[in-house]
Amino acid sequence: MDTYLVGGAVRDKLLGIAVKDRDWVVVGAQPQELEQLGFRTVGSDFPVFLHPDTGEEYALARTERKNGHGYGGFIFHTDASVTLEQDLSRRDLTINAIAQDSNGQLVDPYGGQQDIAERKLRHVSAAFIEDPLRVLRVARFAARFHHLGFSIAAETLALMKDITDSGELQYLSPERVWSETLKALSEGSPRTYLQVLRECGALAVLFPELEKLFGVPQRADFHPEVDTGIHLLMAMDQATQLSNDPRVRFAVMMHDLGKGITPEHILPRHMGHEEAGVPLVEAFCERLRVPNRFRKLAIVVTRYHLLCHKIDTLRPATVLKVLKGLDVFRQPESLHCFLLACTADARGRTGFEEVNYPSAQWLQNLANKVTTITSAEFVNAGLKGPAIGAAIDKKRLEYISDYKLEHKRDLETENA
């Protein structure tokens, strides 16, 4: 029985990246042997064992055979006769098909080290095409290693296009698609994930709402980049710079879906695209079973981002409507993520990448003031029921009006 460190741990060590998780493959063993050593069995598709002390995953060397559709359409074979090279041959990319033995020696039968040196994401074998999930995985690795200069080998991208054309992507479960997308949103370049999916045709299949944005014009005076899809990618870059929170990045990814259904006769204007986009965001989240904390932020960013951009010009009643829509009176901490997303939208335009975004500070300062109003003084004054809510809103409107006047005077003083 021989044990090898495999996959990401070996790859990241070679790249000089901190290793977070370690996975192992065991060659020449039967399940009973590991169980006798105290390993605990997990997984239903093939035997995976947890080390009794470290909790790290140990998998028996295996081969696989396609027998159905999608990610789960495989029969796995594990036996003491399966070699390390056979096990490595079933992996997706050469950079993930390198093993290290107990003496620290590398086993690299498929050229992973050379591809690391050349910064290439290359498939291991023709079996790559059998697993549609690999389209998403390769796009995610491209997003993860974009900063290191990695690109996808032309022949691998061609296979990704073949997978898309085969119709296999439709057999991926919503949970799998969301899981890979969530991981991509946490990588260093989420826009690269979208670009790769678009290049191989998968964006149109999996995320048609996003594909529709490309080629849709916007007013050049507001959006010098013109193309809505290009704006999406630029805004994603800004969101990545502003926040590590995948919720913010997802909200930015969703915020302009309404522009994809703007009637052609009113282009390049997009009147009402915010509200028109809300049902599209809801449908997207429902289809992929997106968690509610992501869905909620995406919806409010979609609905209110344009109002945020011009918040200091709105009537007090409209400002209060926005604050209530953002739920700042019950969850004041939620405003931060909303403002980050709106800032990313404002800066995700050609020539505006470094622009100051005063709306964020304006709205945050106002929220800090109006959220100090409580019901206590009105209850003490003898008000009851709906009268309390009406009195609170009246005072909130007074605060907003005073704040707007104060802000206007400050601007006039600065410009004097």
Protein backbone atom coordinates (compact mmCIF):
# COMPACT_ATOMS: atom_id res chain seq x y z
CA MET A 1 0.00 0.00 0.00
CA ASP A 2 1.46 3.35 -1.12
CA THR A 3 0.09 6.79 -0.28
CA TYR A 4 0.55 9.93 -2.40
CA LEU A 5 -0.31 13.57 -1.90
CA VAL A 6 -2.28 14.66 -4.96
CA GLY A 7 -4.16 17.46 -6.65
CA GLY A 8 -4.35 21.02 -5.43
CA ALA A 9 -1.91 20.61 -2.56
CA VAL A 10 0.90 19.59 -4.93
CA ARG A 11 -0.07 22.19 -7.53
CA ASP A 12 -0.24 25.07 -5.06
CA LYS A 13 3.08 24.09 -3.48
CA LEU A 14 4.71 24.28 -6.91
CA LEU A 15 3.08 27.66 -7.51
CA GLY A 16 4.29 29.00 -4.17
CA ILE A 17 0.73 29.32 -2.88
CA ALA A 18 -0.20 28.44 0.68
CA VAL A 19 -1.70 24.95 0.83
CA LYS A 20 -5.09 24.93 2.54
CA ASP A 21 -6.35 21.37 2.06
CA ARG A 22 -4.50 18.14 1.42
CA ASP A 23 -5.94 15.17 -0.44
CA TRP A 24 -4.34 11.75 -0.71
CA VAL A 25 -4.66 8.75 -3.00
CA VAL A 26 -3.94 5.23 -1.81
CA VAL A 27 -2.58 2.69 -4.30
CA GLY A 28 -2.57 -1.06 -3.79
CA ALA A 29 -5.13 -1.26 -0.99
CA GLN A 30 -8.59 -2.57 -0.30
CA PRO A 31 -11.22 -0.70 1.75
CA GLN A 32 -10.96 -3.20 4.58
CA GLU A 33 -7.28 -2.41 5.08
CA LEU A 34 -7.98 1.28 5.67
CA GLU A 35 -10.92 0.55 7.93
CA GLN A 36 -8.68 -1.70 10.05
CA LEU A 37 -6.29 1.24 10.43
CA GLY A 38 -9.10 3.38 11.86
CA PHE A 39 -10.08 5.32 8.74
CA ARG A 40 -13.74 6.32 8.51
CA THR A 41 -15.64 5.82 5.26
CA VAL A 42 -17.52 8.74 3.66
CA GLY A 43 -19.01 9.34 0.21
CA SER A 44 -21.49 7.27 -1.73
CA ASP A 45 -20.06 7.20 -5.27
CA PHE A 46 -16.66 5.70 -4.46
CA PRO A 47 -14.71 4.91 -1.28
CA VAL A 48 -13.24 7.99 0.41
CA PHE A 49 -11.79 7.72 3.88
CA LEU A 50 -11.06 10.23 6.60
CA HIS A 51 -7.78 9.89 8.44
CA PRO A 52 -8.43 9.05 12.12
CA ASP A 53 -6.05 11.78 13.35
CA THR A 54 -5.87 14.55 10.69
CA GLY A 55 -9.36 14.21 9.19
CA GLU A 56 -7.82 14.55 5.72
CA GLU A 57 -9.38 12.70 2.79
CA TYR A 58 -7.81 9.52 1.45
CA ALA A 59 -9.29 8.01 -1.71
CA LEU A 60 -8.50 4.63 -3.21
CA ALA A 61 -6.95 4.87 -6.66
CA ARG A 62 -9.76 4.50 -9.17
CA THR A 63 -10.74 4.52 -12.80
CA GLU A 64 -14.10 5.59 -14.19
CA ARG A 65 -16.38 4.81 -17.11
CA LYS A 66 -19.11 7.02 -18.55
CA ASN A 67 -22.55 5.41 -18.36
CA GLY A 68 -25.00 8.31 -18.27
CA HIS A 69 -25.46 12.06 -18.50
CA GLY A 70 -23.99 14.84 -16.41
CA TYR A 71 -21.52 14.98 -13.57
CA GLY A 72 -22.88 11.84 -11.89
CA GLY A 73 -23.05 9.67 -14.99
CA PHE A 74 -20.03 7.49 -14.20
CA ILE A 75 -19.23 4.02 -12.90
CA PHE A 76 -16.14 3.99 -10.69
CA HIS A 77 -13.75 1.08 -10.30
CA THR A 78 -11.48 0.81 -7.28
CA ASP A 79 -9.15 -2.11 -6.89
CA ALA A 80 -5.68 -2.78 -5.56
CA SER A 81 -4.56 -3.26 -9.16
CA VAL A 82 -5.37 0.34 -10.21
CA THR A 83 -2.12 2.24 -10.70
CA LEU A 84 -1.31 5.80 -9.73
CA GLU A 85 -0.94 6.75 -13.40
CA GLN A 86 -4.42 5.39 -14.15
CA ASP A 87 -5.87 7.38 -11.28
CA LEU A 88 -4.14 10.59 -12.37
CA SER A 89 -5.31 10.10 -15.96
CA ARG A 90 -8.95 10.67 -14.97
CA ARG A 91 -8.27 14.13 -13.51
CA ASP A 92 -9.34 17.30 -15.27
CA LEU A 93 -6.18 19.37 -15.80
CA THR A 94 -2.53 18.42 -15.99
CA ILE A 95 -1.67 20.85 -13.19
CA ASN A 96 -4.05 18.86 -10.96
CA ALA A 97 -2.61 15.49 -12.03
CA ILE A 98 0.71 15.63 -10.18
CA ALA A 99 1.40 13.39 -7.17
CA GLN A 100 4.07 13.44 -4.48
CA ASP A 101 5.29 10.31 -2.74
CA SER A 102 6.34 9.90 0.88
CA ASN A 103 9.91 10.89 0.00
CA GLY A 104 8.84 14.16 -1.60
CA GLN A 105 9.44 12.89 -5.15
CA LEU A 106 6.98 14.10 -7.78
CA VAL A 107 5.10 11.77 -10.11
CA ASP A 108 4.05 13.76 -13.16
CA PRO A 109 3.11 11.50 -16.09
CA TYR A 110 1.06 14.10 -17.96
CA GLY A 111 3.29 17.18 -18.03
CA GLY A 112 1.71 19.19 -15.25
CA GLN A 113 4.98 20.81 -14.18
CA GLN A 114 5.66 22.04 -17.70
CA ASP A 115 2.14 23.49 -17.92
CA ILE A 116 2.68 25.24 -14.59
CA ALA A 117 5.87 26.75 -15.99
CA GLU A 118 4.09 27.77 -19.20
CA ARG A 119 1.00 28.95 -17.28
CA LYS A 120 -1.37 26.71 -19.23
CA LEU A 121 -4.63 25.09 -18.19
CA ARG A 122 -4.62 21.91 -20.26
CA HIS A 123 -6.80 18.80 -20.09
CA VAL A 124 -5.18 15.49 -19.18
CA SER A 125 -6.86 13.23 -21.74
CA ALA A 126 -9.73 12.94 -24.19
CA ALA A 127 -11.85 11.67 -21.27
CA PHE A 128 -12.12 15.34 -20.27
CA ILE A 129 -15.12 15.69 -22.57
CA GLU A 130 -17.13 13.11 -20.61
CA ASP A 131 -17.71 15.38 -17.59
CA PRO A 132 -19.66 18.61 -18.27
CA LEU A 133 -18.81 20.00 -14.84
CA ARG A 134 -15.26 20.48 -16.10
CA VAL A 135 -16.40 23.42 -18.21
CA LEU A 136 -17.23 25.28 -15.01
CA ARG A 137 -14.16 24.00 -13.17
CA VAL A 138 -11.75 25.15 -15.87
CA ALA A 139 -13.47 28.55 -16.01
CA ARG A 140 -13.11 28.76 -12.22
CA PHE A 141 -9.42 27.85 -12.33
CA ALA A 142 -8.94 30.51 -15.00
CA ALA A 143 -10.51 32.99 -12.57
CA ARG A 144 -8.33 31.76 -9.70
CA PHE A 145 -5.02 31.87 -11.55
CA HIS A 146 -5.67 34.86 -13.79
CA HIS A 147 -3.28 37.00 -11.73
CA LEU A 148 -0.50 34.49 -12.39
CA GLY A 149 -0.95 34.75 -16.15
CA PHE A 150 -2.63 31.39 -16.78
CA SER A 151 -4.59 30.87 -19.98
CA ILE A 152 -6.59 27.93 -21.33
CA ALA A 153 -4.91 25.79 -23.96
CA ALA A 154 -6.63 26.11 -27.33
CA GLU A 155 -7.31 22.39 -27.57
CA THR A 156 -8.88 22.38 -24.10
CA LEU A 157 -11.13 25.32 -24.94
CA ALA A 158 -12.17 23.45 -28.09
CA LEU A 159 -13.25 20.48 -25.96
CA MET A 160 -15.20 22.83 -23.68
CA LYS A 161 -17.05 24.08 -26.75
CA ASP A 162 -17.73 20.49 -27.77
CA ILE A 163 -19.21 19.77 -24.35
CA THR A 164 -21.46 22.81 -24.67
CA ASP A 165 -22.57 21.77 -28.15
CA SER A 166 -23.31 18.23 -26.97
CA GLY A 167 -26.09 19.42 -24.65
CA GLU A 168 -24.47 17.82 -21.60
CA LEU A 169 -24.49 21.08 -19.62
CA GLN A 170 -28.26 20.82 -19.20
CA TYR A 171 -27.76 17.71 -17.07
CA LEU A 172 -25.77 19.55 -14.42
CA SER A 173 -27.75 19.99 -11.23
CA PRO A 174 -28.55 23.55 -10.10
CA GLU A 175 -26.62 22.89 -6.91
CA ARG A 176 -23.47 22.01 -8.85
CA VAL A 177 -23.74 25.05 -11.10
CA TRP A 178 -24.26 27.35 -8.12
CA SER A 179 -21.46 25.71 -6.13
CA GLU A 180 -18.91 26.29 -8.89
CA THR A 181 -20.21 29.82 -9.50
CA LEU A 182 -20.00 30.69 -5.82
CA LYS A 183 -16.41 29.48 -5.73
CA ALA A 184 -15.65 31.55 -8.84
CA LEU A 185 -17.16 34.63 -7.21
CA SER A 186 -14.65 34.17 -4.40
CA GLU A 187 -11.66 33.95 -6.75
CA GLY A 188 -9.31 36.73 -7.80
CA SER A 189 -10.99 37.45 -11.15
CA PRO A 190 -14.69 36.51 -11.29
CA ARG A 191 -15.03 38.37 -14.60
CA THR A 192 -12.67 35.80 -16.14
CA TYR A 193 -15.11 33.05 -15.13
CA LEU A 194 -17.86 34.78 -17.11
CA GLN A 195 -15.58 35.49 -20.07
CA VAL A 196 -14.45 31.87 -20.33
CA LEU A 197 -18.02 30.58 -20.11
CA ARG A 198 -19.02 33.00 -22.84
CA GLU A 199 -16.08 32.02 -25.05
CA CYS A 200 -17.05 28.35 -25.02
CA GLY A 201 -20.79 29.07 -25.37
CA ALA A 202 -21.70 27.93 -21.86
CA LEU A 203 -22.85 31.35 -20.65
CA ALA A 204 -25.76 31.31 -23.10
CA VAL A 205 -26.78 27.85 -21.89
CA LEU A 206 -26.39 28.27 -18.13
CA PHE A 207 -26.85 32.02 -17.66
CA PRO A 208 -28.81 33.29 -20.67
CA GLU A 209 -29.80 36.46 -18.79
CA LEU A 210 -26.13 37.47 -18.69
CA GLU A 211 -25.43 36.46 -22.29
CA LYS A 212 -28.24 38.78 -23.44
CA LEU A 213 -26.41 41.82 -22.03
CA PHE A 214 -23.58 41.58 -24.54
CA GLY A 215 -24.14 43.73 -27.60
CA VAL A 216 -26.88 45.78 -25.94
CA PRO A 217 -26.01 49.50 -26.26
CA GLN A 218 -26.23 52.12 -23.51
CA ARG A 219 -26.08 55.89 -23.69
CA ALA A 220 -22.47 56.83 -24.39
CA ASP A 221 -22.69 59.97 -22.22
CA PHE A 222 -23.32 57.78 -19.18
CA HIS A 223 -21.50 54.68 -20.39
CA PRO A 224 -18.56 55.43 -22.68
CA GLU A 225 -17.96 51.68 -23.02
CA VAL A 226 -21.49 51.51 -24.57
CA ASP A 227 -21.86 47.70 -24.51
CA THR A 228 -23.83 46.54 -21.45
CA GLY A 229 -21.91 43.28 -21.31
CA ILE A 230 -18.60 45.13 -21.19
CA HIS A 231 -20.01 47.29 -18.39
CA LEU A 232 -20.92 44.10 -16.51
CA LEU A 233 -17.34 42.83 -16.71
CA MET A 234 -15.92 46.22 -15.69
CA ALA A 235 -18.31 46.44 -12.75
CA MET A 236 -17.30 42.92 -11.70
CA ASP A 237 -13.68 44.04 -11.67
CA GLN A 238 -14.59 46.97 -9.45
CA ALA A 239 -16.61 44.77 -7.10
CA THR A 240 -13.61 42.44 -6.82
CA GLN A 241 -11.36 45.33 -5.86
CA LEU A 242 -13.84 46.74 -3.35
CA SER A 243 -14.90 43.58 -1.53
CA ASN A 244 -14.06 39.93 -0.90
CA ASP A 245 -17.71 39.25 -0.10
CA PRO A 246 -19.20 37.01 -2.83
CA ARG A 247 -22.64 38.46 -2.06
CA VAL A 248 -21.49 41.88 -3.28
CA ARG A 249 -19.97 40.37 -6.40
CA PHE A 250 -23.10 38.35 -7.13
CA ALA A 251 -25.31 41.41 -6.70
CA VAL A 252 -23.18 43.32 -9.18
CA MET A 253 -23.37 40.39 -11.60
CA MET A 254 -27.17 40.58 -11.41
CA HIS A 255 -27.79 44.34 -11.22
CA ASP A 256 -28.40 45.13 -14.89
CA LEU A 257 -30.35 42.08 -16.07
CA GLY A 258 -33.25 44.37 -16.97
CA LYS A 259 -31.19 45.94 -19.75
CA GLY A 260 -31.20 42.63 -21.55
CA ILE A 261 -34.95 42.90 -22.20
CA THR A 262 -35.17 46.61 -23.05
CA PRO A 263 -37.35 47.06 -26.17
CA GLU A 264 -35.17 47.82 -29.17
CA HIS A 265 -37.13 50.92 -30.16
CA ILE A 266 -36.06 52.82 -27.00
CA LEU A 267 -32.38 51.83 -27.08
CA PRO A 268 -29.85 53.04 -26.03
CA ARG A 269 -32.05 54.26 -23.17
CA HIS A 270 -33.13 51.79 -20.52
CA MET A 271 -36.02 53.41 -18.71
CA GLY A 272 -37.30 51.23 -15.90
CA HIS A 273 -34.60 48.59 -16.28
CA GLU A 274 -34.17 48.41 -12.52
CA GLU A 275 -37.69 47.17 -11.76
CA ALA A 276 -37.77 45.11 -14.96
CA GLY A 277 -34.68 43.30 -13.78
CA VAL A 278 -36.10 42.20 -10.42
CA PRO A 279 -38.21 39.28 -11.78
CA LEU A 280 -35.20 38.14 -13.80
CA VAL A 281 -33.02 38.10 -10.67
CA GLU A 282 -35.71 36.22 -8.79
CA ALA A 283 -36.03 33.65 -11.59
CA PHE A 284 -32.24 33.24 -11.79
CA CYS A 285 -32.00 32.65 -8.05
CA GLU A 286 -34.93 30.25 -8.08
CA ARG A 287 -33.47 28.25 -10.97
CA LEU A 288 -30.05 27.85 -9.34
CA ARG A 289 -31.40 27.64 -5.78
CA VAL A 290 -29.30 30.59 -4.72
CA PRO A 291 -29.28 31.12 -0.93
CA ASN A 292 -31.56 33.86 0.34
CA ARG A 293 -28.77 36.08 1.65
CA PHE A 294 -27.43 36.36 -1.91
CA ARG A 295 -30.88 36.75 -3.43
CA LYS A 296 -31.94 39.53 -1.07
CA LEU A 297 -28.92 41.74 -1.72
CA ALA A 298 -29.08 41.16 -5.49
CA ILE A 299 -32.71 42.24 -5.58
CA VAL A 300 -32.24 45.48 -3.64
CA VAL A 301 -29.16 46.39 -5.68
CA THR A 302 -31.09 45.74 -8.89
CA ARG A 303 -34.08 47.75 -7.71
CA TYR A 304 -32.37 50.72 -6.09
CA HIS A 305 -28.91 51.18 -7.64
CA LEU A 306 -29.99 54.00 -9.96
CA LEU A 307 -31.76 55.82 -7.12
CA CYS A 308 -28.60 55.50 -5.04
CA HIS A 309 -26.57 57.17 -7.80
CA LYS A 310 -28.77 60.28 -7.58
CA ILE A 311 -29.79 59.99 -3.93
CA ASP A 312 -29.00 63.61 -3.01
CA THR A 313 -31.42 64.89 -5.68
CA LEU A 314 -34.43 62.83 -4.57
CA ARG A 315 -37.42 64.09 -2.61
CA PRO A 316 -37.31 63.21 1.10
CA ALA A 317 -40.24 60.82 0.66
CA THR A 318 -38.37 58.94 -2.07
CA VAL A 319 -35.23 58.78 0.05
CA LEU A 320 -37.28 57.31 2.90
CA LYS A 321 -38.76 54.78 0.49
CA VAL A 322 -35.25 53.71 -0.51
CA LEU A 323 -34.14 53.39 3.13
CA LYS A 324 -37.16 51.25 3.92
CA GLY A 325 -36.61 49.15 0.81
CA LEU A 326 -33.06 48.52 1.94
CA ASP A 327 -34.36 47.49 5.36
CA VAL A 328 -31.87 49.78 7.12
CA PHE A 329 -34.18 50.38 10.09
CA ARG A 330 -34.17 46.69 11.01
CA GLN A 331 -30.78 45.70 9.60
CA PRO A 332 -28.60 48.81 9.36
CA GLU A 333 -25.50 46.70 8.70
CA SER A 334 -26.95 45.56 5.35
CA LEU A 335 -26.43 49.03 3.86
CA HIS A 336 -22.67 48.53 3.62
CA CYS A 337 -22.85 45.75 1.04
CA PHE A 338 -25.45 47.64 -0.98
CA LEU A 339 -23.23 50.72 -1.15
CA LEU A 340 -20.22 48.65 -2.22
CA ALA A 341 -22.23 47.19 -5.09
CA CYS A 342 -23.46 50.62 -6.17
CA THR A 343 -19.92 51.99 -6.04
CA ALA A 344 -18.76 49.13 -8.27
CA ASP A 345 -21.53 49.93 -10.74
CA ALA A 346 -20.61 53.63 -10.82
CA ARG A 347 -16.91 52.91 -11.34
CA GLY A 348 -17.42 50.08 -13.82
CA ARG A 349 -17.39 52.48 -16.75
CA THR A 350 -14.68 53.57 -19.13
CA GLY A 351 -12.94 56.60 -17.67
CA PHE A 352 -14.74 56.36 -14.32
CA GLU A 353 -12.64 53.63 -12.71
CA GLU A 354 -11.13 55.97 -10.10
CA VAL A 355 -14.06 58.37 -9.71
CA ASN A 356 -15.19 59.45 -6.26
CA TYR A 357 -18.65 58.16 -5.38
CA PRO A 358 -20.15 60.64 -2.88
CA SER A 359 -23.58 58.97 -2.90
CA ALA A 360 -22.25 56.16 -0.73
CA GLN A 361 -21.03 58.43 2.05
CA TRP A 362 -24.10 60.64 1.71
CA LEU A 363 -26.49 57.74 2.20
CA GLN A 364 -24.43 56.13 4.95
CA ASN A 365 -24.26 59.38 6.95
CA LEU A 366 -27.99 59.91 6.54
CA ALA A 367 -28.76 56.35 7.61
CA ASN A 368 -26.64 56.83 10.72
CA LYS A 369 -28.83 59.79 11.65
CA VAL A 370 -32.32 58.49 10.88
CA THR A 371 -31.75 55.10 12.51
CA THR A 372 -31.34 56.82 15.87
CA ILE A 373 -35.07 57.61 15.89
CA THR A 374 -36.98 55.13 18.06
CA SER A 375 -40.57 54.68 19.12
CA ALA A 376 -39.87 55.41 22.79
CA GLU A 377 -40.57 59.15 22.72
CA PHE A 378 -43.86 58.64 20.90
CA VAL A 379 -45.00 55.87 23.21
CA ASN A 380 -44.18 58.14 26.16
CA ALA A 381 -46.24 60.86 24.50
CA GLY A 382 -49.27 58.56 24.57
CA LEU A 383 -49.41 57.51 20.91
CA LYS A 384 -50.59 54.02 20.10
CA GLY A 385 -50.76 51.62 17.16
CA PRO A 386 -50.42 53.05 13.64
CA ALA A 387 -50.03 56.56 15.04
CA ILE A 388 -46.59 55.61 16.34
CA GLY A 389 -45.41 54.50 12.90
CA ALA A 390 -46.78 57.65 11.29
CA ALA A 391 -45.02 59.84 13.85
CA ILE A 392 -41.73 58.01 13.35
CA ASP A 393 -41.94 58.45 9.58
CA LYS A 394 -42.77 62.14 9.98
CA LYS A 395 -39.68 62.66 12.10
CA ARG A 396 -37.58 60.64 9.65
CA LEU A 397 -38.72 62.91 6.84
CA GLU A 398 -37.78 65.95 8.92
CA TYR A 399 -34.32 64.49 9.50
CA ILE A 400 -33.92 63.80 5.79
CA SER A 401 -35.02 67.32 4.84
CA ASP A 402 -32.67 68.89 7.37
CA TYR A 403 -29.83 66.65 6.20
CA LYS A 404 -30.37 67.62 2.57
CA LEU A 405 -30.37 71.33 3.44
CA GLU A 406 -27.25 70.93 5.53
CA HIS A 407 -25.52 69.07 2.74
CA LYS A 408 -26.55 71.73 0.22
CA ARG A 409 -25.11 74.50 2.42
CA ASP A 410 -21.88 72.55 2.79
CA LEU A 411 -21.56 72.27 -0.98
CA GLU A 412 -22.28 75.96 -1.47
CA THR A 413 -19.59 76.80 1.10
CA GLU A 414 -17.08 74.52 -0.63
CA ASN A 415 -17.81 76.10 -4.01
CA ALA A 416 -17.79 79.69 -2.79
